[in-house]
Amino acid sequence: MSEKRGLFLKHFFKNVKTTGSVTPSSRFLVAKLCNMGDFEHARYVVELGPGTGVFTQEILSRVSDATRVIAIESNEDFVHRLNERFDDVRLTVIHGDAAMIKDIVSGHWQDEVDIVLSSLPLTVIPEPAKSRIMNGSFEVLRKGGEYLQYQYSMNAANKLKTLYGNLQVKREPRNVPPARCFRCVK
């Protein structure tokens, strides 16, 4: 078992509400969700729940040298791993709560965000925190900004559609478990 997979498994059993899977996302899921966003033209990107950094790596490979990325992670072990893994001036890793996205973003940038990509397990996050995360993400996005989210169920789909007024859904059956990729535009 790889170190990355072992770390994920350990934290899944410790707290399923913050680590929603027993294994990191597959390359198929990472590619499908990232292909739904316009990272090439993004100036500001926020990643919620980066875990061990599989999406972080892909985001950094797609954005320009001028892009700034904030990764908000609540798990201290994952924060430590992300800081060890990535030595990139475009990336700031924050040990914090995704429900505080508005405060975190306003503390770093004056501008609105182009993309919010979330790996958070919305299905198991308690309702008050889930609403703060989703509403906060909506508020920090610029008009035309993109919210990207993957989930293993359609549980969050109605709330996303209500919040944004639009929802694009794509399935990724090659992930374990199979996942749905959501894209909303503000």
Protein backbone atom coordinates (compact mmCIF):
# COMPACT_ATOMS: atom_id res chain seq x y z
CA MET A 1 0.00 0.00 0.00
CA SER A 2 1.40 3.41 -0.94
CA GLU A 3 2.13 5.99 1.77
CA LYS A 4 -0.48 8.32 0.23
CA ARG A 5 -3.18 5.62 0.24
CA GLY A 6 -2.28 4.55 3.79
CA LEU A 7 -2.55 8.14 5.06
CA PHE A 8 -5.97 8.50 3.40
CA LEU A 9 -7.22 5.22 4.87
CA LYS A 10 -6.01 6.16 8.36
CA HIS A 11 -7.85 9.49 8.28
CA PHE A 12 -10.97 8.04 6.68
CA PHE A 13 -11.49 5.78 9.68
CA LYS A 14 -10.55 8.58 12.09
CA ASN A 15 -13.12 11.04 10.73
CA VAL A 16 -15.36 10.20 7.77
CA LYS A 17 -16.81 13.75 7.86
CA THR A 18 -13.51 15.27 6.72
CA THR A 19 -12.04 12.42 4.67
CA GLY A 20 -14.85 11.13 2.47
CA SER A 21 -13.00 8.28 0.79
CA VAL A 22 -10.63 5.44 1.64
CA THR A 23 -8.36 6.30 -1.28
CA PRO A 24 -7.29 9.42 -3.20
CA SER A 25 -9.19 10.30 -6.37
CA SER A 26 -8.22 8.43 -9.53
CA ARG A 27 -6.42 10.11 -12.42
CA PHE A 28 -9.64 9.65 -14.41
CA LEU A 29 -11.69 11.64 -11.90
CA VAL A 30 -9.01 14.32 -11.59
CA ALA A 31 -8.85 14.77 -15.38
CA LYS A 32 -12.64 14.74 -15.87
CA LEU A 33 -13.33 17.37 -13.19
CA CYS A 34 -10.39 19.60 -14.15
CA ASN A 35 -11.36 19.43 -17.83
CA MET A 36 -14.66 21.04 -16.84
CA GLY A 37 -12.90 24.23 -15.64
CA ASP A 38 -11.00 27.02 -17.39
CA PHE A 39 -7.76 26.84 -15.39
CA GLU A 40 -5.70 28.25 -18.25
CA HIS A 41 -7.25 31.72 -17.81
CA ALA A 42 -7.76 31.64 -14.04
CA ARG A 43 -5.94 34.20 -11.89
CA TYR A 44 -7.24 33.01 -8.53
CA VAL A 45 -8.14 29.42 -7.62
CA VAL A 46 -9.28 28.00 -4.28
CA GLU A 47 -9.13 24.27 -3.61
CA LEU A 48 -11.22 22.94 -0.72
CA GLY A 49 -10.09 19.69 0.88
CA PRO A 50 -6.92 18.99 -1.12
CA GLY A 51 -6.04 15.90 0.95
CA THR A 52 -2.72 14.54 -0.32
CA GLY A 53 -2.71 16.82 -3.37
CA VAL A 54 -3.86 14.82 -6.39
CA PHE A 55 -6.05 17.70 -7.59
CA THR A 56 -3.49 20.28 -6.40
CA GLN A 57 -0.88 18.77 -8.68
CA GLU A 58 -3.24 18.86 -11.66
CA ILE A 59 -4.35 22.43 -10.91
CA LEU A 60 -0.74 23.62 -10.75
CA SER A 61 0.02 21.89 -14.07
CA ARG A 62 -2.86 23.76 -15.76
CA VAL A 63 -2.58 27.32 -14.40
CA SER A 64 -0.23 30.09 -15.53
CA ASP A 65 2.83 31.32 -13.67
CA ALA A 66 0.82 34.37 -12.55
CA THR A 67 -2.05 32.35 -11.04
CA ARG A 68 -2.40 32.14 -7.28
CA VAL A 69 -3.86 29.03 -5.62
CA ILE A 70 -5.05 28.65 -2.04
CA ALA A 71 -5.59 25.11 -0.76
CA ILE A 72 -7.69 24.96 2.42
CA GLU A 73 -7.24 21.73 4.38
CA SER A 74 -8.52 20.96 7.90
CA ASN A 75 -6.37 17.86 8.48
CA GLU A 76 -2.97 18.76 9.92
CA ASP A 77 -1.29 15.59 8.56
CA PHE A 78 -2.48 16.43 5.05
CA VAL A 79 -1.32 20.06 5.44
CA HIS A 80 2.14 18.82 6.43
CA ARG A 81 2.24 16.44 3.44
CA LEU A 82 1.11 19.16 1.02
CA ASN A 83 3.81 21.54 2.27
CA GLU A 84 6.44 18.81 1.88
CA ARG A 85 5.21 17.79 -1.56
CA PHE A 86 4.79 21.18 -3.24
CA ASP A 87 7.46 23.84 -3.45
CA ASP A 88 5.58 26.26 -5.68
CA VAL A 89 5.28 30.02 -5.14
CA ARG A 90 1.81 29.98 -6.72
CA LEU A 91 0.44 27.75 -3.92
CA THR A 92 -0.50 28.73 -0.37
CA VAL A 93 -1.63 25.87 1.87
CA ILE A 94 -3.92 26.96 4.70
CA HIS A 95 -4.63 24.78 7.72
CA GLY A 96 -8.22 25.80 8.25
CA ASP A 97 -11.93 25.21 7.91
CA ALA A 98 -13.50 25.45 4.44
CA ALA A 99 -16.56 27.06 6.07
CA MET A 100 -14.29 30.09 6.61
CA ILE A 101 -13.55 30.45 2.87
CA LYS A 102 -14.73 34.09 2.73
CA ASP A 103 -12.44 35.16 5.57
CA ILE A 104 -9.49 33.17 4.23
CA VAL A 105 -9.83 34.54 0.70
CA SER A 106 -10.32 38.16 1.83
CA GLY A 107 -7.23 37.81 4.04
CA HIS A 108 -5.09 36.94 1.01
CA TRP A 109 -6.64 38.57 -2.07
CA GLN A 110 -8.58 41.71 -2.85
CA ASP A 111 -10.04 40.21 -6.02
CA GLU A 112 -12.77 37.63 -6.50
CA VAL A 113 -11.96 34.02 -7.31
CA ASP A 114 -12.13 32.48 -10.79
CA ILE A 115 -12.49 28.83 -9.71
CA VAL A 116 -13.38 27.01 -6.52
CA LEU A 117 -12.66 23.28 -6.75
CA SER A 118 -14.02 21.19 -3.88
CA SER A 119 -13.19 17.64 -2.87
CA LEU A 120 -15.22 17.92 0.31
CA PRO A 121 -17.64 15.07 1.12
CA LEU A 122 -20.75 17.27 1.21
CA THR A 123 -23.06 14.30 1.85
CA VAL A 124 -21.62 13.72 5.34
CA ILE A 125 -20.90 17.32 6.38
CA PRO A 126 -23.51 18.65 8.85
CA GLU A 127 -26.01 21.06 7.28
CA PRO A 128 -24.90 24.34 8.92
CA ALA A 129 -21.27 23.83 7.88
CA LYS A 130 -22.27 22.59 4.42
CA SER A 131 -24.36 25.75 3.85
CA ARG A 132 -21.49 28.00 4.98
CA ILE A 133 -19.09 26.22 2.61
CA MET A 134 -21.43 26.33 -0.38
CA ASN A 135 -22.67 29.89 0.21
CA GLY A 136 -19.16 31.14 1.00
CA SER A 137 -17.83 29.59 -2.21
CA PHE A 138 -20.60 31.28 -4.18
CA GLU A 139 -19.85 34.66 -2.58
CA VAL A 140 -16.08 34.61 -3.29
CA LEU A 141 -16.55 33.72 -6.97
CA ARG A 142 -16.54 36.46 -9.58
CA LYS A 143 -19.46 36.69 -11.99
CA GLY A 144 -18.75 33.94 -14.52
CA GLY A 145 -16.58 32.10 -11.98
CA GLU A 146 -16.76 28.32 -11.81
CA TYR A 147 -17.55 26.01 -8.90
CA LEU A 148 -16.29 22.46 -9.48
CA GLN A 149 -17.22 19.62 -7.13
CA TYR A 150 -17.17 15.85 -7.26
CA GLN A 151 -19.39 13.60 -5.18
CA TYR A 152 -20.31 9.94 -4.98
CA SER A 153 -24.03 10.73 -4.91
CA MET A 154 -26.43 13.36 -6.26
CA ASN A 155 -27.13 14.58 -2.70
CA ALA A 156 -25.76 18.11 -3.23
CA ALA A 157 -27.08 18.58 -6.77
CA ASN A 158 -30.35 20.33 -5.87
CA LYS A 159 -28.66 22.79 -3.52
CA LEU A 160 -26.03 23.61 -6.15
CA LYS A 161 -28.66 24.10 -8.84
CA THR A 162 -30.71 26.34 -6.52
CA LEU A 163 -27.65 28.39 -5.55
CA TYR A 164 -26.19 28.85 -9.04
CA GLY A 165 -29.24 28.41 -11.25
CA ASN A 166 -27.31 25.95 -13.40
CA LEU A 167 -25.62 22.59 -12.99
CA GLN A 168 -23.61 20.48 -15.40
CA VAL A 169 -23.08 16.85 -14.33
CA LYS A 170 -20.69 14.25 -15.74
CA ARG A 171 -20.13 10.73 -14.45
CA GLU A 172 -16.73 9.11 -13.93
CA PRO A 173 -17.30 5.34 -13.64
CA ARG A 174 -13.55 4.50 -13.59
CA ASN A 175 -13.08 6.02 -10.12
CA VAL A 176 -13.45 3.86 -7.00
CA PRO A 177 -16.19 4.46 -6.06
CA PRO A 178 -17.74 5.86 -9.27
CA ALA A 179 -18.21 9.63 -8.96
CA ARG A 180 -20.18 12.52 -10.40
CA CYS A 181 -18.49 15.76 -11.41
CA PHE A 182 -20.47 18.97 -10.97
CA ARG A 183 -19.81 22.35 -12.61
CA CYS A 184 -21.74 25.51 -11.80
CA VAL A 185 -21.13 29.01 -13.13
CA LYS A 186 -21.97 32.11 -11.11
